[in-house]
Protein backbone atom coordinates (compact mmCIF):
# COMPACT_ATOMS: atom_id res chain seq x y z
CA MET A 1 -37.41 -15.99 24.77
CA ALA A 2 -37.56 -11.83 24.24
CA HIS A 3 -35.49 -10.14 26.62
CA PRO A 4 -37.46 -7.13 28.01
CA LYS A 5 -36.13 -4.21 28.08
CA LYS A 6 -34.21 -2.95 30.96
CA HIS A 7 -33.03 1.06 32.01
CA LYS A 8 -31.86 3.02 29.37
CA GLY A 9 -32.95 0.32 26.92
CA VAL A 10 -30.87 -2.78 24.82
CA ILE A 11 -27.33 -2.03 22.11
CA GLY A 12 -26.74 -5.45 20.08
CA ILE A 13 -23.40 -5.88 18.35
CA LEU A 14 -21.95 -8.64 16.32
CA THR A 15 -18.68 -8.45 13.99
CA GLY A 16 -18.40 -10.08 10.52
CA GLY A 17 -16.46 -10.36 7.75
CA GLY A 18 -13.20 -11.30 7.81
CA ASP A 19 -11.26 -11.47 11.16
CA VAL A 20 -8.77 -8.96 12.67
CA PRO A 21 -7.10 -8.29 15.65
CA GLY A 22 -9.25 -5.01 16.93
CA LEU A 23 -12.79 -6.00 17.72
CA ASN A 24 -12.02 -7.60 20.93
CA PRO A 25 -11.57 -4.43 22.68
CA ALA A 26 -13.87 -2.75 20.37
CA ILE A 27 -16.71 -5.12 21.39
CA ARG A 28 -15.34 -3.57 25.21
CA ALA A 29 -14.40 -0.51 24.72
CA VAL A 30 -18.54 -0.65 23.53
CA THR A 31 -19.89 -2.74 26.29
CA VAL A 32 -18.02 -1.20 29.27
CA ARG A 33 -19.25 1.45 28.06
CA ALA A 34 -23.11 1.05 27.48
CA LEU A 35 -23.40 -1.16 31.18
CA ARG A 36 -22.49 2.59 33.08
CA GLU A 37 -24.34 4.46 31.04
CA GLY A 38 -27.53 2.04 32.25
CA TYR A 39 -28.02 -0.61 28.63
CA GLN A 40 -28.13 -3.95 28.13
CA VAL A 41 -26.10 -5.51 25.78
CA LEU A 42 -26.59 -8.31 23.27
CA GLY A 43 -23.61 -9.61 21.41
CA ILE A 44 -24.79 -11.35 18.28
CA ARG A 45 -23.45 -14.08 17.26
CA ARG A 46 -21.73 -15.92 14.36
CA GLY A 47 -22.39 -11.49 12.62
CA TRP A 48 -25.63 -11.07 10.29
CA ALA A 49 -26.27 -15.04 10.60
CA GLY A 50 -27.24 -14.76 14.12
CA LEU A 51 -29.67 -12.24 13.32
CA ILE A 52 -31.28 -14.83 10.19
CA GLU A 53 -31.20 -17.49 12.58
CA ILE A 54 -33.23 -16.51 15.70
CA VAL A 55 -36.53 -19.07 16.87
CA ARG A 56 -38.68 -16.62 17.62
CA GLU A 57 -40.87 -18.34 19.87
CA PRO A 58 -41.01 -18.03 23.81
CA ASN A 59 -39.23 -20.80 25.06
CA ALA A 60 -36.62 -21.47 22.45
CA ASP A 61 -33.03 -21.36 23.23
CA ASN A 62 -31.34 -18.66 20.97
CA SER A 63 -28.21 -19.09 23.25
CA GLU A 64 -25.88 -20.26 20.51
CA TRP A 65 -27.06 -16.89 17.94
CA VAL A 66 -27.11 -14.06 21.13
CA LYS A 67 -25.31 -13.32 24.18
CA PRO A 68 -25.76 -11.23 26.87
CA LEU A 69 -22.54 -9.75 27.22
CA THR A 70 -20.78 -8.34 31.64
CA GLU A 71 -17.41 -6.38 31.45
CA GLU A 72 -16.51 -10.00 32.95
CA VAL A 73 -17.12 -11.60 29.55
CA VAL A 74 -15.50 -8.69 28.04
CA ASN A 75 -12.80 -7.73 30.08
CA ARG A 76 -11.49 -11.25 29.51
CA ALA A 77 -11.44 -11.08 25.37
CA GLY A 78 -10.12 -7.51 25.64
CA ARG A 79 -6.84 -8.43 25.29
CA THR A 80 -7.36 -10.97 22.71
CA GLY A 81 -7.31 -11.37 19.01
CA GLY A 82 -10.01 -12.27 16.52
CA THR A 83 -13.60 -11.61 17.69
CA PHE A 84 -15.30 -13.62 20.55
CA LEU A 85 -18.37 -13.53 19.08
CA HIS A 86 -16.83 -15.24 15.37
CA SER A 87 -18.09 -14.31 12.27
CA SER A 88 -19.48 -15.41 9.06
CA ARG A 89 -19.78 -13.86 5.69
CA THR A 90 -23.64 -13.99 5.16
CA LYS A 91 -25.35 -11.41 3.65
CA PRO A 92 -29.51 -11.67 4.86
CA SER A 93 -30.80 -9.85 1.26
CA LYS A 94 -29.43 -13.20 -0.49
CA VAL A 95 -29.60 -15.65 1.54
CA ARG A 96 -29.02 -19.80 -0.73
CA ARG A 97 -31.64 -21.91 0.22
CA ASP A 98 -29.55 -24.76 1.15
CA ASP A 99 -28.63 -21.77 3.59
CA VAL A 100 -32.06 -20.75 4.88
CA PRO A 101 -32.56 -21.85 9.05
CA ILE A 102 -34.40 -24.87 9.17
CA HIS A 103 -37.67 -23.35 11.07
CA LEU A 104 -37.97 -20.40 7.37
CA ARG A 105 -37.19 -22.95 5.12
CA SER A 106 -41.36 -23.89 4.42
CA PHE A 107 -41.62 -19.07 3.86
CA TYR A 108 -38.48 -19.38 1.51
CA ASP A 109 -37.46 -21.88 -1.39
CA GLU A 110 -36.68 -19.09 -3.88
CA GLU A 111 -32.71 -20.65 -5.20
CA MET A 112 -32.02 -16.49 -3.91
CA ASN A 113 -33.43 -15.83 -0.75
CA ASP A 114 -34.63 -11.80 0.87
CA LEU A 115 -34.29 -12.43 4.72
CA THR A 116 -34.12 -9.01 5.74
CA PRO A 117 -38.13 -8.95 7.45
CA GLU A 118 -37.02 -11.99 9.62
CA VAL A 119 -34.08 -9.42 10.39
CA LEU A 120 -36.06 -7.15 11.91
CA ALA A 121 -38.80 -8.90 14.06
CA ASN A 122 -35.77 -10.46 15.40
CA LEU A 123 -34.12 -7.75 16.05
CA SER A 124 -37.86 -6.58 17.66
CA PHE A 125 -38.57 -9.63 19.56
CA LEU A 126 -34.83 -9.02 20.92
CA GLY A 127 -35.57 -5.91 22.33
CA ILE A 128 -32.66 -4.04 20.37
CA ASP A 129 -33.00 -0.43 20.28
CA PHE A 130 -29.64 0.18 18.73
CA LEU A 131 -27.49 -2.23 16.23
CA ILE A 132 -23.94 -1.75 15.88
CA PRO A 133 -22.13 -3.21 13.08
CA ILE A 134 -18.85 -3.77 12.61
CA GLY A 135 -16.84 -5.08 9.22
CA GLY A 136 -15.69 -4.00 6.15
CA ASP A 137 -17.71 -2.18 3.61
CA ASP A 138 -19.45 -5.66 2.77
CA THR A 139 -20.59 -6.10 6.11
CA LEU A 140 -21.15 -2.85 6.40
CA SER A 141 -23.45 -2.01 3.51
CA TYR A 142 -25.96 -4.66 5.11
CA GLY A 143 -26.29 -2.22 7.40
CA VAL A 144 -27.02 0.63 5.61
CA ARG A 145 -30.40 -1.07 4.26
CA LEU A 146 -31.44 -1.95 7.62
CA TYR A 147 -30.77 2.49 8.00
CA GLN A 148 -32.80 2.08 5.60
CA GLU A 149 -35.97 -0.39 7.08
CA GLY A 150 -36.01 1.37 9.94
CA VAL A 151 -33.18 0.66 12.47
CA LYS A 152 -30.22 2.05 14.19
CA VAL A 153 -27.53 1.92 12.61
CA VAL A 154 -24.56 3.37 14.32
CA ALA A 155 -21.69 1.33 12.32
CA ILE A 156 -17.79 0.91 13.08
CA PRO A 157 -14.30 0.40 10.18
CA LYS A 158 -12.90 -3.37 10.27
CA THR A 159 -10.62 -4.70 7.27
CA MET A 160 -7.36 -5.42 7.89
CA ASP A 161 -7.06 -3.70 4.52
CA ASN A 162 -8.21 -0.68 5.06
CA ASP A 163 -11.42 0.24 2.55
CA VAL A 164 -14.15 1.06 4.11
CA PRO A 165 -14.86 4.30 2.36
CA GLY A 166 -14.99 7.43 4.04
CA THR A 167 -12.76 6.96 7.28
CA ASP A 168 -8.36 7.31 6.89
CA TYR A 169 -8.60 3.73 9.10
CA CYS A 170 -10.03 0.47 10.32
CA ILE A 171 -9.75 -1.77 12.39
CA GLY A 172 -7.39 -4.18 11.42
CA PHE A 173 -5.01 -2.25 9.59
CA SER A 174 -1.80 -1.66 11.20
CA THR A 175 -1.79 -5.27 13.07
CA CYS A 176 -1.20 -6.55 9.28
CA VAL A 177 0.93 -3.74 8.73
CA THR A 178 2.96 -5.01 11.81
CA ARG A 179 2.95 -8.40 10.73
CA THR A 180 3.57 -8.10 7.76
CA ILE A 181 6.89 -5.65 8.08
CA GLN A 182 7.88 -8.24 10.71
CA LEU A 183 7.24 -11.55 8.84
CA THR A 184 9.21 -10.14 5.48
CA HIS A 185 12.51 -8.88 7.66
CA ALA A 186 11.93 -12.32 8.22
CA ILE A 187 12.56 -13.71 5.47
CA ARG A 188 14.83 -11.76 4.47
CA THR A 189 17.81 -14.73 5.85
CA SER A 190 16.69 -17.00 3.09
CA ALA A 191 16.55 -15.09 0.36
CA GLY A 192 20.25 -13.27 1.33
CA SER A 193 21.18 -16.92 2.32
CA HIS A 194 20.19 -18.35 -1.61
CA GLU A 195 20.44 -15.06 -2.82
CA ARG A 196 17.17 -15.33 -4.20
CA PHE A 197 13.84 -13.31 -5.23
CA ALA A 198 11.55 -13.77 -2.43
CA VAL A 199 7.63 -13.27 -3.52
CA LEU A 200 5.78 -12.41 -0.49
CA GLU A 201 0.94 -12.24 -1.50
CA VAL A 202 0.04 -10.65 1.25
CA PHE A 203 -3.71 -9.83 1.19
CA GLY A 204 -5.72 -7.22 -0.90
CA ARG A 205 -8.24 -8.00 -3.96
CA TYR A 206 -9.14 -4.12 -4.66
CA ALA A 207 -6.93 -1.56 -2.79
CA GLY A 208 -3.30 -2.28 -2.18
CA PHE A 209 -2.72 -0.53 1.16
CA THR A 210 -0.86 -3.32 2.98
CA ALA A 211 1.67 -4.03 -0.05
CA MET A 212 1.70 -0.63 -0.17
CA LEU A 213 2.45 0.57 3.73
CA PRO A 214 5.25 -2.15 4.47
CA THR A 215 6.81 -1.21 1.21
CA MET A 216 7.04 2.61 1.96
CA ALA A 217 8.05 0.88 5.52
CA GLY A 218 11.28 -0.91 3.72
CA ALA A 219 10.32 -4.22 3.90
CA ALA A 220 9.99 -4.86 0.45
CA HIS A 221 12.04 -3.56 -2.74
CA ARG A 222 8.64 -3.78 -4.26
CA CYS A 223 4.93 -4.05 -4.16
CA LEU A 224 1.89 -4.92 -7.26
CA ILE A 225 -1.47 -3.28 -5.85
CA PRO A 226 -4.63 -4.29 -7.57
CA GLU A 227 -5.17 -0.34 -9.07
CA HIS A 228 -2.93 -1.06 -11.44
CA PRO A 229 -1.04 -3.97 -13.60
CA PHE A 230 1.92 -5.27 -14.14
CA GLU A 231 4.29 -6.32 -17.05
CA VAL A 232 6.35 -9.29 -16.10
CA ASP A 233 9.83 -8.02 -17.87
CA ARG A 234 9.73 -4.60 -16.49
CA LEU A 235 9.19 -6.11 -13.40
CA ALA A 236 12.77 -8.98 -13.89
CA GLU A 237 13.76 -6.47 -15.01
CA LEU A 238 13.70 -3.57 -11.94
CA MET A 239 13.78 -6.91 -9.45
CA CYS A 240 17.37 -7.90 -11.45
CA ASP A 241 18.91 -4.52 -11.09
CA ASP A 242 17.54 -4.32 -6.75
CA ARG A 243 19.48 -8.05 -6.24
CA ARG A 244 22.70 -6.08 -7.61
CA GLN A 245 22.98 -3.11 -5.66
CA ASN A 246 21.97 -5.81 -2.87
CA PRO A 247 24.62 -6.58 -1.05
CA SER A 248 23.23 -9.68 -0.04
CA ARG A 249 21.93 -10.42 -3.32
CA TYR A 250 19.06 -10.97 -3.36
CA ALA A 251 15.34 -8.20 -3.73
CA VAL A 252 11.59 -8.39 -2.54
CA VAL A 253 8.64 -8.62 -4.39
CA LEU A 254 5.00 -8.20 -2.14
CA VAL A 255 2.27 -8.41 -3.93
CA SER A 256 -1.39 -7.87 -3.79
CA GLU A 257 -4.06 -10.82 -3.85
CA GLY A 258 -6.08 -8.41 -6.36
CA ALA A 259 -2.97 -7.86 -8.80
CA ARG A 260 -3.35 -8.42 -12.11
CA PHE A 261 -1.23 -9.48 -14.75
CA ALA A 262 -0.84 -6.66 -17.60
CA GLY A 263 -3.85 -7.82 -19.66
CA GLY A 264 -4.86 -10.43 -17.70
CA GLU A 265 -7.98 -11.00 -14.23
CA MET A 266 -7.03 -11.70 -10.62
CA VAL A 267 -6.08 -15.20 -9.30
CA PHE A 268 -8.89 -16.84 -7.64
CA GLU A 269 -8.50 -20.20 -5.51
CA GLY A 270 -11.94 -21.53 -6.86
CA GLU A 271 -15.61 -20.96 -8.30
CA THR A 272 -16.95 -20.75 -5.61
CA LYS A 273 -18.33 -17.46 -4.13
CA ASP A 274 -19.34 -15.58 -1.34
CA ALA A 275 -22.73 -14.18 -0.55
CA TYR A 276 -21.21 -10.30 -1.25
CA GLY A 277 -20.48 -12.46 -5.01
CA HIS A 278 -16.26 -12.48 -3.62
CA ALA A 279 -14.75 -15.73 -5.34
CA LYS A 280 -11.90 -16.74 -3.07
CA LEU A 281 -8.20 -15.10 -4.65
CA GLY A 282 -5.14 -17.30 -4.12
CA GLY A 283 -2.68 -18.06 -6.38
CA ILE A 284 -1.44 -14.42 -8.48
CA GLY A 285 2.53 -15.23 -5.79
CA ASP A 286 2.44 -18.46 -7.09
CA ARG A 287 2.02 -17.14 -10.82
CA VAL A 288 3.99 -13.90 -10.72
CA SER A 289 7.07 -16.44 -8.67
CA ALA A 290 7.11 -18.77 -11.95
CA ALA A 291 6.94 -15.53 -14.48
CA LEU A 292 9.50 -14.22 -12.28
CA LYS A 293 12.26 -16.81 -12.62
CA GLU A 294 11.30 -17.23 -15.98
CA ALA A 295 11.80 -13.73 -16.79
CA SER A 296 14.60 -13.04 -14.83
CA ALA A 297 17.50 -14.41 -16.67
CA LYS A 298 17.12 -12.41 -19.74
CA HIS A 299 18.45 -9.45 -17.09
CA ASN A 300 20.75 -11.57 -14.91
CA ASP A 301 23.38 -12.57 -17.84
CA GLY A 302 21.31 -15.71 -18.84
CA ARG A 303 20.72 -17.38 -15.37
CA ARG A 304 17.98 -18.11 -14.18
CA VAL A 305 17.01 -16.25 -10.19
CA ASN A 306 15.15 -19.19 -7.87
CA VAL A 307 12.60 -18.25 -6.06
CA ILE A 308 11.53 -18.09 -2.21
CA ASN A 309 7.54 -18.35 -2.69
CA GLN A 310 4.87 -17.24 0.06
CA ARG A 311 1.66 -16.34 1.16
CA LEU A 312 1.79 -14.40 4.59
CA GLY A 313 -2.11 -15.01 4.90
CA TYR A 314 -4.08 -15.87 8.29
CA LEU A 315 -0.74 -14.82 9.62
CA VAL A 316 -0.47 -10.90 9.28
CA ARG A 317 -5.02 -11.30 10.44
CA SER A 318 -3.92 -13.32 13.78
CA GLY A 319 -2.96 -13.16 17.54
CA GLU A 320 -3.21 -10.02 19.41
CA PRO A 321 -3.81 -6.22 18.28
CA ASP A 322 -0.71 -3.65 18.65
CA ALA A 323 -1.26 -0.79 20.15
CA ILE A 324 -3.43 1.56 17.20
CA ASP A 325 -5.54 -1.87 17.40
CA SER A 326 -6.05 -1.68 20.71
CA ILE A 327 -6.35 2.25 21.26
CA ALA A 328 -8.19 2.88 18.13
CA PRO A 329 -11.22 0.31 18.29
CA MET A 330 -11.61 1.36 21.92
CA ALA A 331 -11.93 4.77 20.55
CA TYR A 332 -14.40 3.47 17.89
CA GLY A 333 -16.34 2.19 20.62
CA ASN A 334 -17.10 5.30 22.74
CA LEU A 335 -17.73 7.16 19.68
CA ALA A 336 -20.75 5.06 18.85
CA LEU A 337 -21.95 4.48 22.14
CA ASP A 338 -21.19 9.30 22.33
CA LEU A 339 -24.01 9.46 19.10
CA ILE A 340 -26.47 6.35 20.72
CA LEU A 341 -26.62 8.76 23.57
CA SER A 342 -27.31 11.75 21.69
CA GLY A 343 -29.86 9.85 19.87
CA ILE A 344 -28.03 9.93 16.95
CA HIS A 345 -27.61 6.72 14.36
CA GLY A 346 -27.53 6.40 10.48
CA ARG A 347 -23.24 7.29 11.27
CA LEU A 348 -19.80 5.76 11.53
CA VAL A 349 -17.34 6.86 13.57
CA VAL A 350 -14.15 7.22 11.32
CA LEU A 351 -10.77 9.04 11.30
CA LYS A 352 -9.90 11.17 9.30
CA ASN A 353 -6.67 13.58 9.18
CA GLY A 354 -5.85 12.25 12.84
CA ARG A 355 -8.71 12.99 14.57
CA TYR A 356 -12.44 11.14 14.97
CA ASP A 357 -15.37 12.10 13.77
CA ASN A 358 -18.96 10.52 12.58
CA VAL A 359 -20.19 10.32 8.71
CA PRO A 360 -23.25 9.49 7.40
CA ILE A 361 -23.62 5.54 6.97
CA ASP A 362 -25.06 5.72 3.64
CA VAL A 363 -20.66 6.74 2.59
CA VAL A 364 -20.18 2.68 2.48
CA THR A 365 -22.17 2.52 -0.71
CA SER A 366 -21.64 5.42 -2.43
CA THR A 367 -18.18 5.17 -3.20
CA LYS A 368 -14.50 2.83 -3.83
CA LYS A 369 -11.67 3.82 -1.52
CA VAL A 370 -8.04 2.01 -3.74
CA VAL A 371 -5.22 3.76 -4.25
CA GLU A 372 -5.22 6.97 -5.90
CA VAL A 373 -2.11 5.39 -8.41
CA SER A 374 -1.47 9.06 -9.61
CA LYS A 375 -0.87 10.60 -5.93
CA PHE A 376 0.69 7.49 -4.98
CA TYR A 377 2.01 4.70 -7.00
CA ASP A 378 4.99 5.02 -9.31
CA THR A 379 3.35 2.69 -12.47
CA SER A 380 7.10 2.97 -14.27
CA ARG A 381 9.19 1.25 -11.13
CA TYR A 382 6.04 -0.27 -9.07
CA ARG A 383 5.95 0.76 -5.55
CA PRO A 384 4.79 3.75 -4.56
CA ARG A 385 5.38 7.74 -4.84
CA TYR A 386 7.36 9.42 -2.36
CA GLU A 387 6.80 12.93 -2.38
CA SER A 388 5.83 15.71 0.00
CA PHE A 389 4.15 13.99 3.86
CA GLU A 390 3.18 17.41 5.27
CA MET A 391 -0.36 16.93 6.65
CA LYS A 392 -1.17 13.48 5.55
CA PRO A 393 -2.25 11.71 7.35
CA LEU A 394 -0.33 9.34 9.90
CA PHE A 395 -1.38 6.10 7.31
CA ILE A 396 0.28 8.42 4.48
CA MET A 397 -2.09 7.59 0.82
CA THR A 398 -4.84 6.26 2.71
CA SER A 399 -7.05 9.40 3.29
CA GLU A 400 -9.70 10.41 0.68
CA GLY A 401 -8.64 13.67 0.59
C-alpha cells in the first residue's frame, strides 16, 4: 500500500553490500533526527533488492521489503553490529533473468535486465522524497545513477576496506582494523609457541588499507597489498630475518585478499560473479602459506619454516562497533539530515582532514581510492613506509590528497 506523505515528507534509507559494525548507529541517527524534524522514515529492507520487489497495488503487503522506522525500533538496534534492515548485492540496472521478481517477469525477459524504471516507480509509489543509501562504491554507484535520474539522494559511505573515493573515512573501517589487530595478536601466542610463520588473510579487494594500518600499528611484520605484486622469495627472506630477530622465533604477515604474486592474478573461490561483476575472492593466504614454507629453506639454513595459515574473514566485520564506528555514523546521519533540511541533495557526506563535510555524489564513480604506493608502501620491505606524520589524517594513508 502506498504511504501518504506526512509532515515535511518521507525519507527512505537502505544499506547495501557487505555488513559492517556502524550501520545500525547510522540508521538510528538518521531516523531519530528525521522524526524529530517532522519527517516519516521508511527503512528499505535488503538494500536495492527491496526497491525492485515492491508490488504497486493498493492492498499489496510490502512489509517484507519496507519497514516504517520509529525511535523504539532504531534505539533497540542502534548499539548492535550488522544491519537490521538487512542487505544484498543487488544492482537494479543489471538483474539476471532468474532474479527478476516474479510479478515483473512478463515485462523483463532478457538475460540481463535494467529495472531502474521499476525502482523509480516504486520510490514514487512509496512517496519517498529523499533517499539515503549507505554503502560502498558499488552500492553508491547505483545511487549516482538514481540521482542522475532525478532522485534526491544523499549518500553515506560504508566499507571496511575504506576505499570509497572522496572521504578519509568509511563506516566499518575502524572496527575492522581494531579486530584485525586483536586477532593477529591472539595468533601470535601459537606462532611463538611453535616458532612458525603466521599468514593471515584479510579483506581488501583493490585497496590494502586493512592490511596496512594493522601492520603500521605493530600487529604484523609485513603486509602484502593489491596495489603492488610481491616476490615470494623476497617475502621469505624478510620473514626469515624477522623470525631470527624475534626472541620467540616467529614472524607475521597480513595478506590482502586482492594481493597478487608477481606475474600472477587475483585468487578467486569460484567463477560466480555478483551483480557488480565481482567474483568472490579468497585463497591467496593458502597459496602464500604454501609458497612461503617452500621458499623459507633457502633463507633458513636449508630447513623449512612451518606456517599457521588463518583467514580472518567475517570475524573482522562481525559484532558490535568500536568507538569510532559508534561516533562517525551518528555524525554522518546528522550530516545527511542537515543537507535534507537545507533542501540539498546529490551529495556524499564525508570526513576530510579531520572535519565532517560533504562532496558531490558523483565522486564515487569518477575515481578510485587505493593506497598511494610511492608515498606509503615500501616495495622492497613489504611494509608501510614511515615518514612525517604531520598534518596527516587520523588513519594516515587514507587521505587522497
